[in-house]
Structure formats: structure tokens, C-alpha cells
C-alpha atoms as a PDB file:
ATOM      1  CA  MET A   1      -0.008  -0.009  -0.009  1.00  0.00           C
ATOM      2  CA  ARG A   2       1.212   3.507  -0.797  1.00  0.00           C
ATOM      3  CA  PRO A   3       2.426   5.732   2.037  1.00  0.00           C
ATOM      4  CA  ASP A   4       0.262   8.542   3.385  1.00  0.00           C
ATOM      5  CA  LEU A   5       0.434  11.982   1.657  1.00  0.00           C
ATOM      6  CA  CYS A   6       1.715  14.308   4.347  1.00  0.00           C
ATOM      7  CA  LEU A   7       2.218  18.089   4.582  1.00  0.00           C
ATOM      8  CA  HIS A   8       4.413  18.971   7.288  1.00  0.00           C
ATOM      9  CA  HIS A   9       4.142  22.676   8.541  1.00  0.00           C
ATOM     10  CA  ALA A  10       3.700  23.735   4.923  1.00  0.00           C
ATOM     11  CA  GLY A  11       3.364  27.258   3.778  1.00  0.00           C
ATOM     12  CA  ARG A  12       2.948  29.111   0.414  1.00  0.00           C
ATOM     13  CA  ARG A  13       3.387  32.668  -0.745  1.00  0.00           C
ATOM     14  CA  TYR A  14       3.924  34.032  -4.122  1.00  0.00           C
ATOM     15  CA  GLY A  15       7.098  36.091  -4.527  1.00  0.00           C
ATOM     16  CA  LEU A  16       9.941  36.388  -1.988  1.00  0.00           C
ATOM     17  CA  ARG A  17       8.194  39.233  -0.035  1.00  0.00           C
ATOM     18  CA  GLY A  18       4.561  38.327  -0.836  1.00  0.00           C
ATOM     19  CA  PRO A  19       2.052  37.766   1.838  1.00  0.00           C
ATOM     20  CA  TRP A  20       1.519  34.307   3.022  1.00  0.00           C
ATOM     21  CA  VAL A  21      -1.480  32.526   1.460  1.00  0.00           C
ATOM     22  CA  LEU A  22      -1.157  29.440   3.634  1.00  0.00           C
ATOM     23  CA  ARG A  23       1.131  28.856   6.616  1.00  0.00           C
ATOM     24  CA  GLY A  24       1.747  26.135   9.260  1.00  0.00           C
ATOM     25  CA  VAL A  25      -0.369  23.507   7.448  1.00  0.00           C
ATOM     26  CA  ASP A  26      -0.231  20.050   8.726  1.00  0.00           C
ATOM     27  CA  LEU A  27      -2.269  17.433   6.935  1.00  0.00           C
ATOM     28  CA  THR A  28      -2.329  13.698   6.283  1.00  0.00           C
ATOM     29  CA  VAL A  29      -4.298  12.098   3.530  1.00  0.00           C
ATOM     30  CA  ALA A  30      -4.244   8.354   3.885  1.00  0.00           C
ATOM     31  CA  PRO A  31      -5.305   5.687   1.232  1.00  0.00           C
ATOM     32  CA  GLY A  32      -8.994   5.344   1.048  1.00  0.00           C
ATOM     33  CA  ARG A  33      -9.795   8.637   2.575  1.00  0.00           C
ATOM     34  CA  LEU A  34     -12.202  11.353   1.202  1.00  0.00           C
ATOM     35  CA  VAL A  35     -11.509  14.912   2.413  1.00  0.00           C
ATOM     36  CA  ARG A  36     -13.495  17.947   1.964  1.00  0.00           C
ATOM     37  CA  VAL A  37     -11.950  21.489   2.245  1.00  0.00           C
ATOM     38  CA  GLU A  38     -14.133  24.490   2.938  1.00  0.00           C
ATOM     39  CA  GLY A  39     -13.448  28.212   3.138  1.00  0.00           C
ATOM     40  CA  ALA A  40     -14.407  31.675   1.862  1.00  0.00           C
ATOM     41  CA  ASN A  41     -13.358  32.881  -1.532  1.00  0.00           C
ATOM     42  CA  GLY A  42      -9.602  33.890  -1.473  1.00  0.00           C
ATOM     43  CA  SER A  43      -8.886  31.854   1.695  1.00  0.00           C
ATOM     44  CA  GLY A  44      -6.306  29.648   0.182  1.00  0.00           C
ATOM     45  CA  LYS A  45      -8.333  26.503  -0.665  1.00  0.00           C
ATOM     46  CA  SER A  46      -7.082  26.358  -4.266  1.00  0.00           C
ATOM     47  CA  THR A  47      -3.410  26.989  -3.183  1.00  0.00           C
ATOM     48  CA  LEU A  48      -3.725  24.102  -0.809  1.00  0.00           C
ATOM     49  CA  LEU A  49      -5.068  21.841  -3.567  1.00  0.00           C
ATOM     50  CA  ARG A  50      -2.227  22.857  -5.818  1.00  0.00           C
ATOM     51  CA  LEU A  51       0.221  21.921  -3.217  1.00  0.00           C
ATOM     52  CA  LEU A  52      -1.511  18.486  -2.727  1.00  0.00           C
ATOM     53  CA  ALA A  53      -1.502  17.993  -6.533  1.00  0.00           C
ATOM     54  CA  GLY A  54       2.191  18.893  -6.832  1.00  0.00           C
ATOM     55  CA  ILE A  55       1.476  21.818  -9.134  1.00  0.00           C
ATOM     56  CA  ASP A  56       3.024  24.272  -6.632  1.00  0.00           C
ATOM     57  CA  SER A  57       5.786  23.527  -4.132  1.00  0.00           C
ATOM     58  CA  PRO A  58       5.690  24.813  -0.572  1.00  0.00           C
ATOM     59  CA  SER A  59       7.669  27.964   0.289  1.00  0.00           C
ATOM     60  CA  GLU A  60       8.367  26.499   3.634  1.00  0.00           C
ATOM     61  CA  GLY A  61       7.732  23.058   5.223  1.00  0.00           C
ATOM     62  CA  ARG A  62       7.687  19.811   3.156  1.00  0.00           C
ATOM     63  CA  ILE A  63       5.359  17.314   1.517  1.00  0.00           C
ATOM     64  CA  THR A  64       6.131  13.583   1.639  1.00  0.00           C
ATOM     65  CA  GLY A  65       4.475  10.409   0.310  1.00  0.00           C
ATOM     66  CA  ARG A  66       3.614  11.657  -3.154  1.00  0.00           C
ATOM     67  CA  PRO A  67       1.062   9.273  -4.801  1.00  0.00           C
ATOM     68  CA  ARG A  68       0.016   9.121  -8.499  1.00  0.00           C
ATOM     69  CA  THR A  69      -2.070  12.151  -8.643  1.00  0.00           C
ATOM     70  CA  ALA A  70      -4.818  13.530 -10.997  1.00  0.00           C
ATOM     71  CA  TYR A  71      -5.990  17.127 -10.779  1.00  0.00           C
ATOM     72  CA  VAL A  72      -9.208  18.608 -12.049  1.00  0.00           C
ATOM     73  CA  PRO A  73      -9.475  22.429 -11.926  1.00  0.00           C
ATOM     74  CA  GLU A  74     -12.687  24.435 -12.290  1.00  0.00           C
ATOM     75  CA  ARG A  75     -11.604  25.552 -15.629  1.00  0.00           C
ATOM     76  CA  PHE A  76      -9.940  23.222 -17.999  1.00  0.00           C
ATOM     77  CA  PRO A  77      -7.749  24.575 -20.843  1.00  0.00           C
ATOM     78  CA  ALA A  78      -9.663  23.482 -23.837  1.00  0.00           C
ATOM     79  CA  ALA A  79      -7.661  25.110 -26.689  1.00  0.00           C
ATOM     80  CA  LEU A  80      -5.742  21.948 -27.313  1.00  0.00           C
ATOM     81  CA  PRO A  81      -4.801  20.514 -30.706  1.00  0.00           C
ATOM     82  CA  PHE A  82      -6.688  17.134 -30.250  1.00  0.00           C
ATOM     83  CA  THR A  83     -10.220  15.867 -30.408  1.00  0.00           C
ATOM     84  CA  ALA A  84     -11.724  14.826 -27.115  1.00  0.00           C
ATOM     85  CA  LEU A  85     -11.112  11.141 -27.810  1.00  0.00           C
ATOM     86  CA  GLY A  86      -7.615  11.798 -29.237  1.00  0.00           C
ATOM     87  CA  TYR A  87      -6.524  13.854 -26.177  1.00  0.00           C
ATOM     88  CA  LEU A  88      -7.692  11.211 -23.787  1.00  0.00           C
ATOM     89  CA  THR A  89      -6.149   8.464 -25.662  1.00  0.00           C
ATOM     90  CA  HIS A  90      -2.792  10.360 -25.608  1.00  0.00           C
ATOM     91  CA  LEU A  91      -3.104  10.877 -21.859  1.00  0.00           C
ATOM     92  CA  GLY A  92      -3.858   7.204 -21.408  1.00  0.00           C
ATOM     93  CA  THR A  93      -0.659   6.274 -23.140  1.00  0.00           C
ATOM     94  CA  VAL A  94       1.180   8.701 -20.832  1.00  0.00           C
ATOM     95  CA  HIS A  95      -0.292   6.843 -17.939  1.00  0.00           C
ATOM     96  CA  GLY A  96       1.355   3.624 -19.358  1.00  0.00           C
ATOM     97  CA  LEU A  97      -1.579   2.059 -21.236  1.00  0.00           C
ATOM     98  CA  THR A  98      -1.233   0.689 -24.594  1.00  0.00           C
ATOM     99  CA  ARG A  99      -2.933   2.909 -27.283  1.00  0.00           C
ATOM    100  CA  ALA A 100      -5.726   0.385 -27.863  1.00  0.00           C
ATOM    101  CA  ALA A 101      -6.375   0.128 -24.118  1.00  0.00           C
ATOM    102  CA  ALA A 102      -6.147   3.968 -23.704  1.00  0.00           C
ATOM    103  CA  ALA A 103      -8.671   4.512 -26.571  1.00  0.00           C
ATOM    104  CA  ARG A 104     -11.078   1.868 -24.989  1.00  0.00           C
ATOM    105  CA  ALA A 105     -10.842   3.385 -21.526  1.00  0.00           C
ATOM    106  CA  ALA A 106     -11.321   6.833 -23.025  1.00  0.00           C
ATOM    107  CA  GLY A 107     -14.374   5.804 -24.830  1.00  0.00           C
ATOM    108  CA  GLU A 108     -15.766   4.209 -21.690  1.00  0.00           C
ATOM    109  CA  TRP A 109     -15.464   7.352 -19.581  1.00  0.00           C
ATOM    110  CA  LEU A 110     -16.827   9.509 -22.298  1.00  0.00           C
ATOM    111  CA  GLU A 111     -19.878   7.273 -22.549  1.00  0.00           C
ATOM    112  CA  ARG A 112     -20.170   7.151 -18.777  1.00  0.00           C
ATOM    113  CA  LEU A 113     -20.128  10.933 -18.384  1.00  0.00           C
ATOM    114  CA  GLY A 114     -22.602  11.436 -21.305  1.00  0.00           C
ATOM    115  CA  ALA A 115     -19.969  12.856 -23.663  1.00  0.00           C
ATOM    116  CA  ALA A 116     -19.607  10.046 -26.242  1.00  0.00           C
ATOM    117  CA  ALA A 117     -21.119  12.332 -28.905  1.00  0.00           C
ATOM    118  CA  TYR A 118     -18.071  14.688 -28.424  1.00  0.00           C
ATOM    119  CA  ALA A 119     -15.455  12.063 -29.143  1.00  0.00           C
ATOM    120  CA  GLY A 120     -14.519  13.408 -32.498  1.00  0.00           C
ATOM    121  CA  THR A 121     -15.049  17.108 -31.667  1.00  0.00           C
ATOM    122  CA  PRO A 122     -11.956  19.333 -31.555  1.00  0.00           C
ATOM    123  CA  MET A 123     -11.181  20.339 -28.034  1.00  0.00           C
ATOM    124  CA  ALA A 124     -11.263  24.040 -28.845  1.00  0.00           C
ATOM    125  CA  ARG A 125     -14.851  23.706 -29.945  1.00  0.00           C
ATOM    126  CA  LEU A 126     -16.216  22.084 -26.889  1.00  0.00           C
ATOM    127  CA  SER A 127     -18.534  23.980 -24.599  1.00  0.00           C
ATOM    128  CA  LYS A 128     -17.668  24.679 -20.940  1.00  0.00           C
ATOM    129  CA  GLY A 129     -19.547  21.472 -19.951  1.00  0.00           C
ATOM    130  CA  GLY A 130     -18.117  19.388 -22.711  1.00  0.00           C
ATOM    131  CA  SER A 131     -14.569  20.403 -21.786  1.00  0.00           C
ATOM    132  CA  GLN A 132     -15.178  19.797 -18.145  1.00  0.00           C
ATOM    133  CA  LYS A 133     -16.258  16.237 -18.947  1.00  0.00           C
ATOM    134  CA  VAL A 134     -13.002  15.713 -20.692  1.00  0.00           C
ATOM    135  CA  ALA A 135     -11.189  17.108 -17.637  1.00  0.00           C
ATOM    136  CA  VAL A 136     -12.995  14.601 -15.524  1.00  0.00           C
ATOM    137  CA  ALA A 137     -12.369  11.767 -17.884  1.00  0.00           C
ATOM    138  CA  GLN A 138      -8.631  12.493 -18.104  1.00  0.00           C
ATOM    139  CA  ALA A 139      -8.338  12.329 -14.353  1.00  0.00           C
ATOM    140  CA  LEU A 140     -10.122   9.047 -13.931  1.00  0.00           C
ATOM    141  CA  LEU A 141      -8.968   6.983 -16.827  1.00  0.00           C
ATOM    142  CA  GLY A 142      -5.487   6.334 -15.282  1.00  0.00           C
ATOM    143  CA  GLU A 143      -7.028   5.122 -11.903  1.00  0.00           C
ATOM    144  CA  PRO A 144      -5.009   7.673  -9.819  1.00  0.00           C
ATOM    145  CA  GLU A 145      -4.100   6.995  -6.239  1.00  0.00           C
ATOM    146  CA  LEU A 146      -5.158  10.593  -5.365  1.00  0.00           C
ATOM    147  CA  LEU A 147      -7.797  12.762  -6.803  1.00  0.00           C
ATOM    148  CA  VAL A 148      -7.608  16.497  -6.195  1.00  0.00           C
ATOM    149  CA  LEU A 149     -10.818  18.315  -7.253  1.00  0.00           C
ATOM    150  CA  ASP A 150     -10.975  22.079  -7.248  1.00  0.00           C
ATOM    151  CA  GLU A 151     -14.679  22.883  -8.009  1.00  0.00           C
ATOM    152  CA  ALA A 152     -14.503  20.155 -10.430  1.00  0.00           C
ATOM    153  CA  TRP A 153     -18.277  19.672 -10.951  1.00  0.00           C
ATOM    154  CA  THR A 154     -18.642  23.295 -12.279  1.00  0.00           C
ATOM    155  CA  GLY A 155     -20.305  23.215 -15.708  1.00  0.00           C
ATOM    156  CA  LEU A 156     -21.355  19.693 -15.522  1.00  0.00           C
ATOM    157  CA  ASP A 157     -25.223  18.598 -16.098  1.00  0.00           C
ATOM    158  CA  ALA A 158     -26.966  16.785 -13.422  1.00  0.00           C
ATOM    159  CA  ASP A 159     -26.345  13.287 -14.844  1.00  0.00           C
ATOM    160  CA  ALA A 160     -22.596  13.861 -15.303  1.00  0.00           C
ATOM    161  CA  ARG A 161     -22.406  15.376 -11.766  1.00  0.00           C
ATOM    162  CA  ALA A 162     -23.973  12.216 -10.249  1.00  0.00           C
ATOM    163  CA  GLU A 163     -21.797  10.102 -12.288  1.00  0.00           C
ATOM    164  CA  PHE A 164     -18.689  11.878 -11.183  1.00  0.00           C
ATOM    165  CA  GLU A 165     -19.813  11.409  -7.591  1.00  0.00           C
ATOM    166  CA  ARG A 166     -20.172   7.732  -7.972  1.00  0.00           C
ATOM    167  CA  ALA A 167     -16.677   7.590  -9.680  1.00  0.00           C
ATOM    168  CA  VAL A 168     -15.126   9.283  -6.693  1.00  0.00           C
ATOM    169  CA  ALA A 169     -16.888   7.033  -4.365  1.00  0.00           C
ATOM    170  CA  GLU A 170     -15.650   4.127  -6.372  1.00  0.00           C
ATOM    171  CA  ARG A 171     -12.105   5.364  -6.288  1.00  0.00           C
ATOM    172  CA  THR A 172     -12.097   5.779  -2.436  1.00  0.00           C
ATOM    173  CA  ALA A 173     -13.741   2.400  -2.010  1.00  0.00           C
ATOM    174  CA  ALA A 174     -11.001   0.759  -4.028  1.00  0.00           C
ATOM    175  CA  GLY A 175      -8.268   2.334  -1.854  1.00  0.00           C
ATOM    176  CA  GLY A 176      -7.655   5.632  -3.588  1.00  0.00           C
ATOM    177  CA  SER A 177      -8.038   8.972  -1.866  1.00  0.00           C
ATOM    178  CA  ALA A 178      -9.510  12.296  -2.811  1.00  0.00           C
ATOM    179  CA  VAL A 179      -9.510  15.795  -1.626  1.00  0.00           C
ATOM    180  CA  PHE A 180     -12.142  18.263  -2.962  1.00  0.00           C
ATOM    181  CA  VAL A 181     -13.489  21.641  -2.807  1.00  0.00           C
ATOM    182  CA  ASP A 182     -17.004  22.512  -3.934  1.00  0.00           C
ATOM    183  CA  HIS A 183     -19.466  25.330  -3.423  1.00  0.00           C
ATOM    184  CA  ASP A 184     -22.401  22.936  -2.982  1.00  0.00           C
ATOM    185  CA  PRO A 185     -22.602  21.681   0.593  1.00  0.00           C
ATOM    186  CA  ARG A 186     -24.534  18.562  -0.702  1.00  0.00           C
ATOM    187  CA  ARG A 187     -21.710  17.512  -2.897  1.00  0.00           C
ATOM    188  CA  LEU A 188     -20.721  13.904  -1.694  1.00  0.00           C
ATOM    189  CA  ALA A 189     -22.831  14.604   1.321  1.00  0.00           C
ATOM    190  CA  GLY A 190     -22.439  11.934   3.993  1.00  0.00           C
ATOM    191  CA  LEU A 191     -19.276  10.381   2.522  1.00  0.00           C
ATOM    192  CA  PRO A 192     -16.219  12.533   3.482  1.00  0.00           C
ATOM    193  CA  ASP A 193     -14.071  11.071   6.202  1.00  0.00           C
ATOM    194  CA  ALA A 194     -12.861  14.460   7.288  1.00  0.00           C
ATOM    195  CA  THR A 195     -13.652  18.134   6.562  1.00  0.00           C
ATOM    196  CA  TYR A 196     -11.262  20.957   6.964  1.00  0.00           C
ATOM    197  CA  ALA A 197     -11.758  24.753   6.897  1.00  0.00           C
ATOM    198  CA  VAL A 198      -9.204  27.203   5.673  1.00  0.00           C
ATOM    199  CA  ARG A 199      -9.330  30.551   7.508  1.00  0.00           C
ATOM    200  CA  ASP A 200      -6.681  33.234   7.600  1.00  0.00           C
ATOM    201  CA  GLY A 201      -4.220  31.139   5.862  1.00  0.00           C
ATOM    202  CA  ARG A 202      -4.525  28.341   8.454  1.00  0.00           C
ATOM    203  CA  LEU A 203      -6.095  24.883   8.080  1.00  0.00           C
ATOM    204  CA  ALA A 204      -8.221  23.458  10.969  1.00  0.00           C
ATOM    205  CA  PRO A 205     -10.483  20.360  11.161  1.00  0.00           C
ATOM    206  CA  ARG A 206     -14.129  21.116  11.294  1.00  0.00           C
ATOM    207  CA  ALA A 207     -16.317  19.087  13.643  1.00  0.00           C
ATOM    208  CA  ALA A 208     -18.541  16.610  11.806  1.00  0.00           C
ATOM    209  CA  ARG A 209     -22.211  17.442  11.578  1.00  0.00           C
ATOM    210  CA  GLU A 210     -24.544  14.907  12.813  1.00  0.00           C
ATOM    211  CA  THR A 211     -27.310  15.843  10.558  1.00  0.00           C
ATOM    212  CA  VAL A 212     -28.395  13.582   7.745  1.00  0.00           C
ATOM    213  CA  PRO A 213     -27.439  15.159   4.463  1.00  0.00           C
ATOM    214  CA  SER A 214     -30.231  16.524   2.324  1.00  0.00           C
ATOM    215  CA  GLY A 215     -31.305  14.937  -1.027  1.00  0.00           C
ATOM    216  CA  PRO A 216     -32.888  11.628  -2.012  1.00  0.00           C
ATOM    217  CA  HIS A 217     -31.621   8.607  -0.088  1.00  0.00           C
ATOM    218  CA  MET A 218     -32.174   4.800  -0.560  1.00  0.00           C
ATOM    219  CA  THR A 219     -32.610   2.331   2.261  1.00  0.00           C
ATOM    220  CA  VAL A 220     -30.896  -0.985   1.901  1.00  0.00           C
ATOM    221  CA  GLU A 221     -31.647  -4.110   4.030  1.00  0.00           C
ATOM    222  CA  THR A 222     -28.732  -6.598   3.886  1.00  0.00           C
ATOM    223  CA  GLN A 223     -27.954  -9.903   5.479  1.00  0.00           C
ATOM    224  CA  GLY A 224     -24.411 -11.294   5.980  1.00  0.00           C
ATOM    225  CA  PRO A 225     -22.901 -14.078   8.121  1.00  0.00           C
ATOM    226  CA  PRO A 226     -24.465 -14.210  11.725  1.00  0.00           C
ATOM    227  CA  GLN A 227     -21.285 -13.048  13.311  1.00  0.00           C
ATOM    228  CA  GLY A 228     -20.192 -11.040  10.292  1.00  0.00           C
ATOM    229  CA  GLN A 229     -18.675  -7.552  10.415  1.00  0.00           C
ATOM    230  CA  LEU A 230     -20.106  -5.117   7.878  1.00  0.00           C
ATOM    231  CA  PRO A 231     -17.430  -4.418   5.250  1.00  0.00           C
ATOM    232  CA  GLU A 232     -15.487  -1.156   6.021  1.00  0.00           C
ATOM    233  CA  ASP A 233     -16.108   0.077   2.435  1.00  0.00           C
ATOM    234  CA  VAL A 234     -19.911  -0.338   3.126  1.00  0.00           C
ATOM    235  CA  ARG A 235     -19.664   1.767   6.206  1.00  0.00           C
ATOM    236  CA  ARG A 236     -17.595   4.414   4.397  1.00  0.00           C
ATOM    237  CA  THR A 237     -20.263   4.755   1.775  1.00  0.00           C
ATOM    238  CA  ALA A 238     -23.342   4.698   3.820  1.00  0.00           C
ATOM    239  CA  THR A 239     -24.813   7.666   5.754  1.00  0.00           C
ATOM    240  CA  SER A 240     -25.987   5.322   8.603  1.00  0.00           C
ATOM    241  CA  ALA A 241     -25.865   1.529   9.427  1.00  0.00           C
ATOM    242  CA  GLU A 242     -28.353   0.211  11.961  1.00  0.00           C
ATOM    243  CA  GLU A 243     -27.876  -3.443  13.081  1.00  0.00           C
ATOM    244  CA  THR A 244     -31.384  -5.034  13.143  1.00  0.00           C
ATOM    245  CA  GLY A 245     -30.317  -8.646  13.852  1.00  0.00           C
ATOM    246  CA  PRO A 246     -27.372 -11.068  13.845  1.00  0.00           C
ATOM    247  CA  GLY A 247     -25.526 -10.095  10.676  1.00  0.00           C
ATOM    248  CA  ARG A 248     -28.452  -8.009   9.434  1.00  0.00           C
ATOM    249  CA  TYR A 249     -28.160  -4.304   8.853  1.00  0.00           C
ATOM    250  CA  ARG A 250     -30.406  -1.475   7.525  1.00  0.00           C
ATOM    251  CA  LEU A 251     -28.270   1.022   5.635  1.00  0.00           C
ATOM    252  CA  THR A 252     -29.144   4.524   4.400  1.00  0.00           C
ATOM    253  CA  VAL A 253     -27.191   5.776   1.464  1.00  0.00           C
ATOM    254  CA  PRO A 254     -27.442   8.893  -0.762  1.00  0.00           C
ATOM    255  CA  ALA A 255     -29.124   7.858  -3.987  1.00  0.00           C
ATOM    256  CA  PRO A 256     -26.290   8.723  -6.308  1.00  0.00           C
ATOM    257  CA  HIS A 257     -23.932   6.190  -4.359  1.00  0.00           C
ATOM    258  CA  SER A 258     -26.400   3.390  -3.970  1.00  0.00           C
ATOM    259  CA  ASP A 259     -25.086   1.474  -6.835  1.00  0.00           C
ATOM    260  CA  VAL A 260     -21.392   1.722  -5.316  1.00  0.00           C
ATOM    261  CA  LEU A 261     -22.731   0.413  -2.081  1.00  0.00           C
ATOM    262  CA  LEU A 262     -24.641  -2.524  -3.728  1.00  0.00           C
ATOM    263  CA  ARG A 263     -21.589  -3.412  -5.700  1.00  0.00           C
ATOM    264  CA  THR A 264     -19.499  -3.466  -2.565  1.00  0.00           C
ATOM    265  CA  LEU A 265     -22.041  -5.720  -0.649  1.00  0.00           C
ATOM    266  CA  LEU A 266     -22.257  -8.183  -3.681  1.00  0.00           C
ATOM    267  CA  THR A 267     -18.528  -8.382  -4.286  1.00  0.00           C
ATOM    268  CA  ALA A 268     -17.641  -8.700  -0.605  1.00  0.00           C
ATOM    269  CA  ARG A 269     -16.025 -11.996   0.659  1.00  0.00           C
ATOM    270  CA  PRO A 270     -17.986 -13.538   2.111  1.00  0.00           C
ATOM    271  CA  PRO A 271     -20.814 -12.121   0.151  1.00  0.00           C
ATOM    272  CA  TRP A 272     -23.621 -10.107   1.754  1.00  0.00           C
ATOM    273  CA  HIS A 273     -27.135 -10.703   0.569  1.00  0.00           C
ATOM    274  CA  VAL A 274     -29.174  -7.765  -0.490  1.00  0.00           C
ATOM    275  CA  VAL A 275     -32.722  -8.358   1.032  1.00  0.00           C
ATOM    276  CA  SER A 276     -34.330  -5.252  -0.212  1.00  0.00           C
ATOM    277  CA  VAL A 277     -33.615  -1.674  -1.661  1.00  0.00           C
ATOM    278  CA  SER A 278     -36.294   0.991  -1.247  1.00  0.00           C
ATOM    279  CA  GLN A 279     -36.896   4.834  -1.049  1.00  0.00           C
ATOM    280  CA  PRO A 280     -37.399   5.975   2.617  1.00  0.00           C
ATOM    281  CA  ASP A 281     -41.195   6.296   2.006  1.00  0.00           C
ATOM    282  CA  ASP A 282     -41.525   3.000   0.150  1.00  0.00           C
ATOM    283  CA  THR A 283     -43.174   0.247   2.386  1.00  0.00           C
ATOM    284  CA  SER A 284     -43.377  -2.543  -0.356  1.00  0.00           C
ATOM    285  CA  GLY A 285     -40.087  -3.972   1.009  1.00  0.00           C
ATOM    286  CA  GLY A 286     -39.104  -4.993  -2.531  1.00  0.00           C
ATOM    287  CA  LEU A 287     -36.143  -4.393  -4.765  1.00  0.00           C
ATOM    288  CA  ARG A 288     -36.713  -1.344  -6.824  1.00  0.00           C
END
């Protein structure tokens, strides 16, 4: 397993005598962790993410444990001399894939994000939403160990936003980590392992809120071995897990992540049986 990514008393300023944007930052991002960063505009959130992504170097302090990292900014430079598929295929070969495997992975991600129709479109002709889908696809096709996402959902349509959330949940369930900033408090609601706030150039952990996140949820009834422990990946994805009997749990999960949770249950060893899946107000008890 890769080592933790650690910032040790890291600081960043621009210019030898410029003001400090960040200072004294200590942060550890372990494999499998999902971290949310909050703060007002201009507080230093993007600077922190650029340090984590390796785009900027700290002006003081140090960073250790560099994983393979993919970065998605709010605005992606679309004026590149490629088509969408050509660009992603090129990036896939940079990640070490064969050209055929890179083209296949590129096509799969464009399809998944609802951008297959843009495959042959020159990058310079893509809309903001189209270019952002390419930005997301280029980050995910190499299966990075760390995703750094700076308002990365901006410009995406609702289906693509939900699919991107599923992809982030899948990466962390598979042992990757992700750090993200987003203006929408519902983004990946209920999933982050930790939330930090940037204020006055300093980073501080924010106490977890006990409220159930807003938005549609699913209820999943599952049965495992009588003495079985619920898989950790399931606990990470679910908003809540109530034990209702020996090896039996009632799980609540945000609707966009229900397929991730179900896949994790069904592929666990030993496997867990899905008894029912329902909306909170559904009393049929059947699989929907």
C-alpha cells in the first residue's frame, strides 16, 4: 500500500516578499480517505489543492509520500490541438496504457459521463460543460491514487455530476483517496471522512455534523454471516448503518451512491445478501 501523503508545517506565498497565502499547514491524506476542504473565496483553498497535486511547491515546510495524482480544476484549458478522444487516448498512453487500451478506456469514460457524442469534436470547439467532462475523464482513466478536485463539478449537467460522484466514491472504496473543494454543501454529502476549513491562511479540522445530508436517499436491507462484520467500504459509503439482527443491517445511502454500495456488498468476501432496496417512503419492501 502506498504511504500517506503528508504536509508538514507547509506554507505558500507568491514572491519572496509576498503575503503568506497558507502557513503552518499539517495534513495527512491516507489511502481510502475522502477529504472535503471549505473556506471563503480567497482563503487559500485552491493554493492548498495545488500543493497537494504537486503543481506548486511549498515556500516552507515539506510534503512527503507523493502518490500518483490527478487534478481537475474548475476551468480546464480546452484550446488543445486534439479531439476529445484523441486527447484522452494520448493521456492514457502517458499513464502507461497501450494505445488500444487507452482508446478503450477513453471511450468508456466519455460514454459514462454522457460525452460520447463529443469524441470526435476538436477540444477548442467544446462547450464549458463538454470540456469539463473531458477534464474529469482524463483524471479518472489512469485510476489515480489521489484525486484533487477544485470545484471540478462546475459546468457539468446533473447526470454527469451524479456519475462523477459515483466515480469518486468508487475510487475511495478501491483504496484511492480524494481531496475536494465544492461550493455545493450537498456534494458527496455523508461520505467525507474528514472536513477541514481554511481561515486566515490556516487549516483546521471542522467538527463533523450529525445531521443527515439533504437529497434523496435509499434504504438497503442486507444480510451477512451471523457473526459477520459489515465491510468497512460499506460503512464508508453509507450515511448510517443500523444493526437489526445477527448479521443483518439497515443501511441509508445517498441515492447517487446506492450502486456503489450495492456493488460493494455483492462483491464482498464472504458475500452479503441484499434483502431489499427502497426509497425511505417505500413500504413495499421489494427491490426497486
